[in-house]
Amino acid sequence: MFLDELTPFVQELTAHPVAFLGGLASGLLRLSLSDDPVKSWLQNQGVMPTGGGSGTTWGSDRNGGPQSISID
């Protein structure tokens, strides 16, 4: 019965051990993707983090913000 509850945990661990342990370590250490040095390391790797929740925008600023349009 207890082993049935651990089955998904063990399956994820064996399927992707590096990603799983990295996520587990970052969760335990409470690392945020929007804080340095994690943010600068991700930018050097060319990875764009999703979310973040601290108000930082990771998108492109090519458009310069909101634009008005007219509809006929």
PDB file of N, CA and C in Angstrom:
ATOM      1  N   MET A   1       0.816  -1.182   0.000  1.00  0.00           N
ATOM      2  CA  MET A   1       0.000   0.000   0.000  1.00  0.00           C
ATOM      3  C   MET A   1       0.871   1.260   0.000  1.00  0.00           C
ATOM      4  N   PHE A   2       1.847   1.317   0.860  1.00  0.00           N
ATOM      5  CA  PHE A   2       2.760   2.453   0.896  1.00  0.00           C
ATOM      6  C   PHE A   2       3.622   2.493  -0.369  1.00  0.00           C
ATOM      7  N   LEU A   3       3.961   1.325  -0.895  1.00  0.00           N
ATOM      8  CA  LEU A   3       4.773   1.254  -2.109  1.00  0.00           C
ATOM      9  C   LEU A   3       4.023   1.775  -3.328  1.00  0.00           C
ATOM     10  N   ASP A   4       2.701   1.622  -3.333  1.00  0.00           N
ATOM     11  CA  ASP A   4       1.897   2.141  -4.439  1.00  0.00           C
ATOM     12  C   ASP A   4       1.980   3.666  -4.524  1.00  0.00           C
ATOM     13  N   GLU A   5       2.103   4.311  -3.374  1.00  0.00           N
ATOM     14  CA  GLU A   5       2.190   5.769  -3.360  1.00  0.00           C
ATOM     15  C   GLU A   5       3.564   6.255  -3.817  1.00  0.00           C
ATOM     16  N   LEU A   6       4.592   5.445  -3.656  1.00  0.00           N
ATOM     17  CA  LEU A   6       5.943   5.821  -4.052  1.00  0.00           C
ATOM     18  C   LEU A   6       6.267   5.482  -5.503  1.00  0.00           C
ATOM     19  N   THR A   7       5.418   4.727  -6.165  1.00  0.00           N
ATOM     20  CA  THR A   7       5.684   4.287  -7.533  1.00  0.00           C
ATOM     21  C   THR A   7       5.896   5.450  -8.503  1.00  0.00           C
ATOM     22  N   PRO A   8       5.032   6.501  -8.532  1.00  0.00           N
ATOM     23  CA  PRO A   8       5.288   7.615  -9.464  1.00  0.00           C
ATOM     24  C   PRO A   8       6.601   8.338  -9.165  1.00  0.00           C
ATOM     25  N   PHE A   9       6.939   8.464  -7.902  1.00  0.00           N
ATOM     26  CA  PHE A   9       8.195   9.094  -7.484  1.00  0.00           C
ATOM     27  C   PHE A   9       9.386   8.325  -8.035  1.00  0.00           C
ATOM     28  N   VAL A  10       9.370   7.025  -7.904  1.00  0.00           N
ATOM     29  CA  VAL A  10      10.476   6.179  -8.369  1.00  0.00           C
ATOM     30  C   VAL A  10      10.538   6.152  -9.893  1.00  0.00           C
ATOM     31  N   GLN A  11       9.387   6.152 -10.563  1.00  0.00           N
ATOM     32  CA  GLN A  11       9.370   6.150 -12.027  1.00  0.00           C
ATOM     33  C   GLN A  11       9.987   7.421 -12.592  1.00  0.00           C
ATOM     34  N   GLU A  12       9.654   8.578 -12.026  1.00  0.00           N
ATOM     35  CA  GLU A  12      10.242   9.835 -12.488  1.00  0.00           C
ATOM     36  C   GLU A  12      11.732   9.877 -12.204  1.00  0.00           C
ATOM     37  N   LEU A  13      12.134   9.360 -11.057  1.00  0.00           N
ATOM     38  CA  LEU A  13      13.543   9.349 -10.692  1.00  0.00           C
ATOM     39  C   LEU A  13      14.354   8.491 -11.646  1.00  0.00           C
ATOM     40  N   THR A  14      13.828   7.352 -12.041  1.00  0.00           N
ATOM     41  CA  THR A  14      14.570   6.469 -12.940  1.00  0.00           C
ATOM     42  C   THR A  14      14.489   6.924 -14.399  1.00  0.00           C
ATOM     43  N   ALA A  15      13.420   7.634 -14.789  1.00  0.00           N
ATOM     44  CA  ALA A  15      13.276   8.074 -16.175  1.00  0.00           C
ATOM     45  C   ALA A  15      14.211   9.249 -16.498  1.00  0.00           C
ATOM     46  N   HIS A  16      14.285  10.218 -15.601  1.00  0.00           N
ATOM     47  CA  HIS A  16      15.097  11.428 -15.810  1.00  0.00           C
ATOM     48  C   HIS A  16      15.821  11.764 -14.516  1.00  0.00           C
ATOM     49  N   PRO A  17      16.873  11.028 -14.181  1.00  0.00           N
ATOM     50  CA  PRO A  17      17.489  11.222 -12.863  1.00  0.00           C
ATOM     51  C   PRO A  17      18.151  12.587 -12.673  1.00  0.00           C
ATOM     52  N   VAL A  18      18.817  13.122 -13.683  1.00  0.00           N
ATOM     53  CA  VAL A  18      19.511  14.403 -13.524  1.00  0.00           C
ATOM     54  C   VAL A  18      18.504  15.538 -13.368  1.00  0.00           C
ATOM     55  N   ALA A  19      17.494  15.569 -14.221  1.00  0.00           N
ATOM     56  CA  ALA A  19      16.482  16.614 -14.139  1.00  0.00           C
ATOM     57  C   ALA A  19      15.699  16.514 -12.838  1.00  0.00           C
ATOM     58  N   PHE A  20      15.370  15.305 -12.441  1.00  0.00           N
ATOM     59  CA  PHE A  20      14.611  15.111 -11.211  1.00  0.00           C
ATOM     60  C   PHE A  20      15.410  15.564  -9.997  1.00  0.00           C
ATOM     61  N   LEU A  21      16.669  15.153  -9.911  1.00  0.00           N
ATOM     62  CA  LEU A  21      17.482  15.521  -8.758  1.00  0.00           C
ATOM     63  C   LEU A  21      17.814  17.018  -8.769  1.00  0.00           C
ATOM     64  N   GLY A  22      17.969  17.598  -9.949  1.00  0.00           N
ATOM     65  CA  GLY A  22      18.181  19.046 -10.037  1.00  0.00           C
ATOM     66  C   GLY A  22      16.967  19.821  -9.550  1.00  0.00           C
ATOM     67  N   GLY A  23      15.794  19.383  -9.948  1.00  0.00           N
ATOM     68  CA  GLY A  23      14.569  20.027  -9.481  1.00  0.00           C
ATOM     69  C   GLY A  23      14.350  19.831  -7.997  1.00  0.00           C
ATOM     70  N   LEU A  24      14.688  18.646  -7.507  1.00  0.00           N
ATOM     71  CA  LEU A  24      14.559  18.371  -6.085  1.00  0.00           C
ATOM     72  C   LEU A  24      15.521  19.242  -5.276  1.00  0.00           C
ATOM     73  N   ALA A  25      16.752  19.360  -5.735  1.00  0.00           N
ATOM     74  CA  ALA A  25      17.747  20.180  -5.028  1.00  0.00           C
ATOM     75  C   ALA A  25      17.352  21.652  -5.055  1.00  0.00           C
ATOM     76  N   SER A  26      16.879  22.153  -6.203  1.00  0.00           N
ATOM     77  CA  SER A  26      16.485  23.557  -6.263  1.00  0.00           C
ATOM     78  C   SER A  26      15.259  23.827  -5.395  1.00  0.00           C
ATOM     79  N   GLY A  27      14.379  22.865  -5.276  1.00  0.00           N
ATOM     80  CA  GLY A  27      13.235  23.021  -4.392  1.00  0.00           C
ATOM     81  C   GLY A  27      13.627  23.016  -2.926  1.00  0.00           C
ATOM     82  N   LEU A  28      14.539  22.126  -2.572  1.00  0.00           N
ATOM     83  CA  LEU A  28      14.983  22.066  -1.187  1.00  0.00           C
ATOM     84  C   LEU A  28      15.781  23.304  -0.786  1.00  0.00           C
ATOM     85  N   LEU A  29      16.572  23.824  -1.730  1.00  0.00           N
ATOM     86  CA  LEU A  29      17.368  25.015  -1.457  1.00  0.00           C
ATOM     87  C   LEU A  29      16.597  26.314  -1.695  1.00  0.00           C
ATOM     88  N   ARG A  30      15.360  26.177  -2.189  1.00  0.00           N
ATOM     89  CA  ARG A  30      14.474  27.306  -2.485  1.00  0.00           C
ATOM     90  C   ARG A  30      15.123  28.306  -3.433  1.00  0.00           C
ATOM     91  N   LEU A  31      15.701  27.776  -4.509  1.00  0.00           N
ATOM     92  CA  LEU A  31      16.312  28.622  -5.527  1.00  0.00           C
ATOM     93  C   LEU A  31      15.242  29.156  -6.459  1.00  0.00           C
ATOM     94  N   SER A  32      15.355  30.393  -6.826  1.00  0.00           N
ATOM     95  CA  SER A  32      14.417  31.010  -7.746  1.00  0.00           C
ATOM     96  C   SER A  32      15.107  31.227  -9.086  1.00  0.00           C
ATOM     97  N   LEU A  33      14.397  30.993 -10.172  1.00  0.00           N
ATOM     98  CA  LEU A  33      14.984  31.164 -11.502  1.00  0.00           C
ATOM     99  C   LEU A  33      15.222  32.623 -11.846  1.00  0.00           C
ATOM    100  N   SER A  34      14.604  33.533 -11.108  1.00  0.00           N
ATOM    101  CA  SER A  34      14.768  34.955 -11.405  1.00  0.00           C
ATOM    102  C   SER A  34      15.816  35.627 -10.530  1.00  0.00           C
ATOM    103  N   ASP A  35      16.497  34.890  -9.669  1.00  0.00           N
ATOM    104  CA  ASP A  35      17.541  35.449  -8.810  1.00  0.00           C
ATOM    105  C   ASP A  35      18.914  35.042  -9.317  1.00  0.00           C
ATOM    106  N   ASP A  36      19.887  35.920  -9.087  1.00  0.00           N
ATOM    107  CA  ASP A  36      21.273  35.569  -9.411  1.00  0.00           C
ATOM    108  C   ASP A  36      21.798  34.629  -8.351  1.00  0.00           C
ATOM    109  N   PRO A  37      22.659  33.705  -8.638  1.00  0.00           N
ATOM    110  CA  PRO A  37      23.394  33.449  -9.863  1.00  0.00           C
ATOM    111  C   PRO A  37      22.655  32.530 -10.833  1.00  0.00           C
ATOM    112  N   VAL A  38      21.478  32.033 -10.442  1.00  0.00           N
ATOM    113  CA  VAL A  38      20.740  31.120 -11.316  1.00  0.00           C
ATOM    114  C   VAL A  38      20.312  31.829 -12.591  1.00  0.00           C
ATOM    115  N   LYS A  39      19.834  33.062 -12.472  1.00  0.00           N
ATOM    116  CA  LYS A  39      19.363  33.817 -13.628  1.00  0.00           C
ATOM    117  C   LYS A  39      20.486  34.038 -14.642  1.00  0.00           C
ATOM    118  N   SER A  40      21.661  34.471 -14.164  1.00  0.00           N
ATOM    119  CA  SER A  40      22.763  34.727 -15.089  1.00  0.00           C
ATOM    120  C   SER A  40      23.290  33.437 -15.707  1.00  0.00           C
ATOM    121  N   TRP A  41      23.274  32.356 -14.945  1.00  0.00           N
ATOM    122  CA  TRP A  41      23.719  31.073 -15.486  1.00  0.00           C
ATOM    123  C   TRP A  41      22.770  30.613 -16.582  1.00  0.00           C
ATOM    124  N   LEU A  42      21.455  30.757 -16.368  1.00  0.00           N
ATOM    125  CA  LEU A  42      20.477  30.363 -17.378  1.00  0.00           C
ATOM    126  C   LEU A  42      20.610  31.216 -18.628  1.00  0.00           C
ATOM    127  N   GLN A  43      20.885  32.509 -18.465  1.00  0.00           N
ATOM    128  CA  GLN A  43      21.063  33.368 -19.628  1.00  0.00           C
ATOM    129  C   GLN A  43      22.306  32.969 -20.411  1.00  0.00           C
ATOM    130  N   ASN A  44      23.367  32.569 -19.736  1.00  0.00           N
ATOM    131  CA  ASN A  44      24.575  32.118 -20.422  1.00  0.00           C
ATOM    132  C   ASN A  44      24.341  30.800 -21.157  1.00  0.00           C
ATOM    133  N   GLN A  45      23.430  29.977 -20.644  1.00  0.00           N
ATOM    134  CA  GLN A  45      23.116  28.707 -21.281  1.00  0.00           C
ATOM    135  C   GLN A  45      22.146  28.885 -22.441  1.00  0.00           C
ATOM    136  N   GLY A  46      21.515  30.043 -22.540  1.00  0.00           N
ATOM    137  CA  GLY A  46      20.557  30.287 -23.614  1.00  0.00           C
ATOM    138  C   GLY A  46      19.174  29.773 -23.300  1.00  0.00           C
ATOM    139  N   VAL A  47      18.873  29.582 -22.031  1.00  0.00           N
ATOM    140  CA  VAL A  47      17.579  29.054 -21.603  1.00  0.00           C
ATOM    141  C   VAL A  47      16.712  30.218 -21.152  1.00  0.00           C
ATOM    142  N   MET A  48      15.454  30.201 -21.553  1.00  0.00           N
ATOM    143  CA  MET A  48      14.516  31.217 -21.124  1.00  0.00           C
ATOM    144  C   MET A  48      13.579  30.597 -20.101  1.00  0.00           C
ATOM    145  N   PRO A  49      13.705  30.948 -18.818  1.00  0.00           N
ATOM    146  CA  PRO A  49      12.821  30.362 -17.812  1.00  0.00           C
ATOM    147  C   PRO A  49      11.381  30.799 -18.012  1.00  0.00           C
ATOM    148  N   THR A  50      10.463  29.916 -17.687  1.00  0.00           N
ATOM    149  CA  THR A  50       9.051  30.225 -17.779  1.00  0.00           C
ATOM    150  C   THR A  50       8.560  30.638 -16.411  1.00  0.00           C
ATOM    151  N   GLY A  51       7.659  31.572 -16.383  1.00  0.00           N
ATOM    152  CA  GLY A  51       7.113  32.020 -15.104  1.00  0.00           C
ATOM    153  C   GLY A  51       8.082  32.921 -14.379  1.00  0.00           C
ATOM    154  N   GLY A  52       8.328  32.599 -13.141  1.00  0.00           N
ATOM    155  CA  GLY A  52       9.205  33.411 -12.320  1.00  0.00           C
ATOM    156  C   GLY A  52       8.428  34.052 -11.202  1.00  0.00           C
ATOM    157  N   GLY A  53       7.327  34.706 -11.542  1.00  0.00           N
ATOM    158  CA  GLY A  53       6.447  35.250 -10.546  1.00  0.00           C
ATOM    159  C   GLY A  53       6.953  36.496  -9.834  1.00  0.00           C
ATOM    160  N   SER A  54       8.123  37.021 -10.144  1.00  0.00           N
ATOM    161  CA  SER A  54       8.613  38.194  -9.423  1.00  0.00           C
ATOM    162  C   SER A  54       8.509  39.457 -10.266  1.00  0.00           C
ATOM    163  N   GLY A  55       7.761  39.424 -11.337  1.00  0.00           N
ATOM    164  CA  GLY A  55       7.564  40.611 -12.144  1.00  0.00           C
ATOM    165  C   GLY A  55       8.589  40.793 -13.246  1.00  0.00           C
ATOM    166  N   THR A  56       9.535  39.909 -13.387  1.00  0.00           N
ATOM    167  CA  THR A  56      10.510  40.039 -14.456  1.00  0.00           C
ATOM    168  C   THR A  56       9.920  39.501 -15.740  1.00  0.00           C
ATOM    169  N   THR A  57      10.185  40.207 -16.833  1.00  0.00           N
ATOM    170  CA  THR A  57       9.699  39.750 -18.129  1.00  0.00           C
ATOM    171  C   THR A  57      10.864  39.162 -18.890  1.00  0.00           C
ATOM    172  N   TRP A  58      10.655  38.006 -19.442  1.00  0.00           N
ATOM    173  CA  TRP A  58      11.696  37.316 -20.192  1.00  0.00           C
ATOM    174  C   TRP A  58      11.459  37.432 -21.686  1.00  0.00           C
ATOM    175  N   GLY A  59      10.407  38.110 -22.091  1.00  0.00           N
ATOM    176  CA  GLY A  59      10.103  38.202 -23.507  1.00  0.00           C
ATOM    177  C   GLY A  59      10.919  39.271 -24.207  1.00  0.00           C
ATOM    178  N   SER A  60      10.691  39.381 -25.476  1.00  0.00           N
ATOM    179  CA  SER A  60      11.413  40.356 -26.287  1.00  0.00           C
ATOM    180  C   SER A  60      10.762  41.723 -26.155  1.00  0.00           C
ATOM    181  N   ASP A  61      11.569  42.767 -26.111  1.00  0.00           N
ATOM    182  CA  ASP A  61      11.059  44.128 -26.020  1.00  0.00           C
ATOM    183  C   ASP A  61      11.124  44.834 -27.367  1.00  0.00           C
ATOM    184  N   ARG A  62      11.022  44.119 -28.451  1.00  0.00           N
ATOM    185  CA  ARG A  62      11.112  44.702 -29.790  1.00  0.00           C
ATOM    186  C   ARG A  62       9.975  45.676 -30.055  1.00  0.00           C
ATOM    187  N   ASN A  63       8.784  45.378 -29.543  1.00  0.00           N
ATOM    188  CA  ASN A  63       7.623  46.199 -29.854  1.00  0.00           C
ATOM    189  C   ASN A  63       7.545  47.450 -29.003  1.00  0.00           C
ATOM    190  N   GLY A  64       8.304  47.529 -27.936  1.00  0.00           N
ATOM    191  CA  GLY A  64       8.307  48.718 -27.115  1.00  0.00           C
ATOM    192  C   GLY A  64       7.073  48.872 -26.248  1.00  0.00           C
ATOM    193  N   GLY A  65       6.373  47.839 -25.937  1.00  0.00           N
ATOM    194  CA  GLY A  65       5.227  47.923 -25.036  1.00  0.00           C
ATOM    195  C   GLY A  65       3.905  47.835 -25.768  1.00  0.00           C
ATOM    196  N   PRO A  66       2.835  48.248 -25.092  1.00  0.00           N
ATOM    197  CA  PRO A  66       1.492  48.167 -25.693  1.00  0.00           C
ATOM    198  C   PRO A  66       1.361  49.105 -26.890  1.00  0.00           C
ATOM    199  N   GLN A  67       0.583  48.668 -27.841  1.00  0.00           N
ATOM    200  CA  GLN A  67       0.340  49.463 -29.045  1.00  0.00           C
ATOM    201  C   GLN A  67      -1.145  49.605 -29.238  1.00  0.00           C
ATOM    202  N   SER A  68      -1.540  50.717 -29.826  1.00  0.00           N
ATOM    203  CA  SER A  68      -2.960  50.903 -30.123  1.00  0.00           C
ATOM    204  C   SER A  68      -3.214  50.513 -31.576  1.00  0.00           C
ATOM    205  N   ILE A  69      -4.389  49.965 -31.812  1.00  0.00           N
ATOM    206  CA  ILE A  69      -4.777  49.595 -33.168  1.00  0.00           C
ATOM    207  C   ILE A  69      -6.151  50.181 -33.455  1.00  0.00           C
ATOM    208  N   SER A  70      -6.464  50.368 -34.710  1.00  0.00           N
ATOM    209  CA  SER A  70      -7.788  50.835 -35.082  1.00  0.00           C
ATOM    210  C   SER A  70      -8.451  49.775 -35.944  1.00  0.00           C
ATOM    211  N   ILE A  71      -9.699  49.498 -35.633  1.00  0.00           N
ATOM    212  CA  ILE A  71     -10.453  48.473 -36.361  1.00  0.00           C
ATOM    213  C   ILE A  71     -11.565  49.189 -37.122  1.00  0.00           C
ATOM    214  N   ASP A  72     -11.633  48.968 -38.428  1.00  0.00           N
ATOM    215  CA  ASP A  72     -12.648  49.602 -39.264  1.00  0.00           C
ATOM    216  C   ASP A  72     -13.899  48.798 -39.307  1.00  0.00           C
TER     217      ASP A  72
END
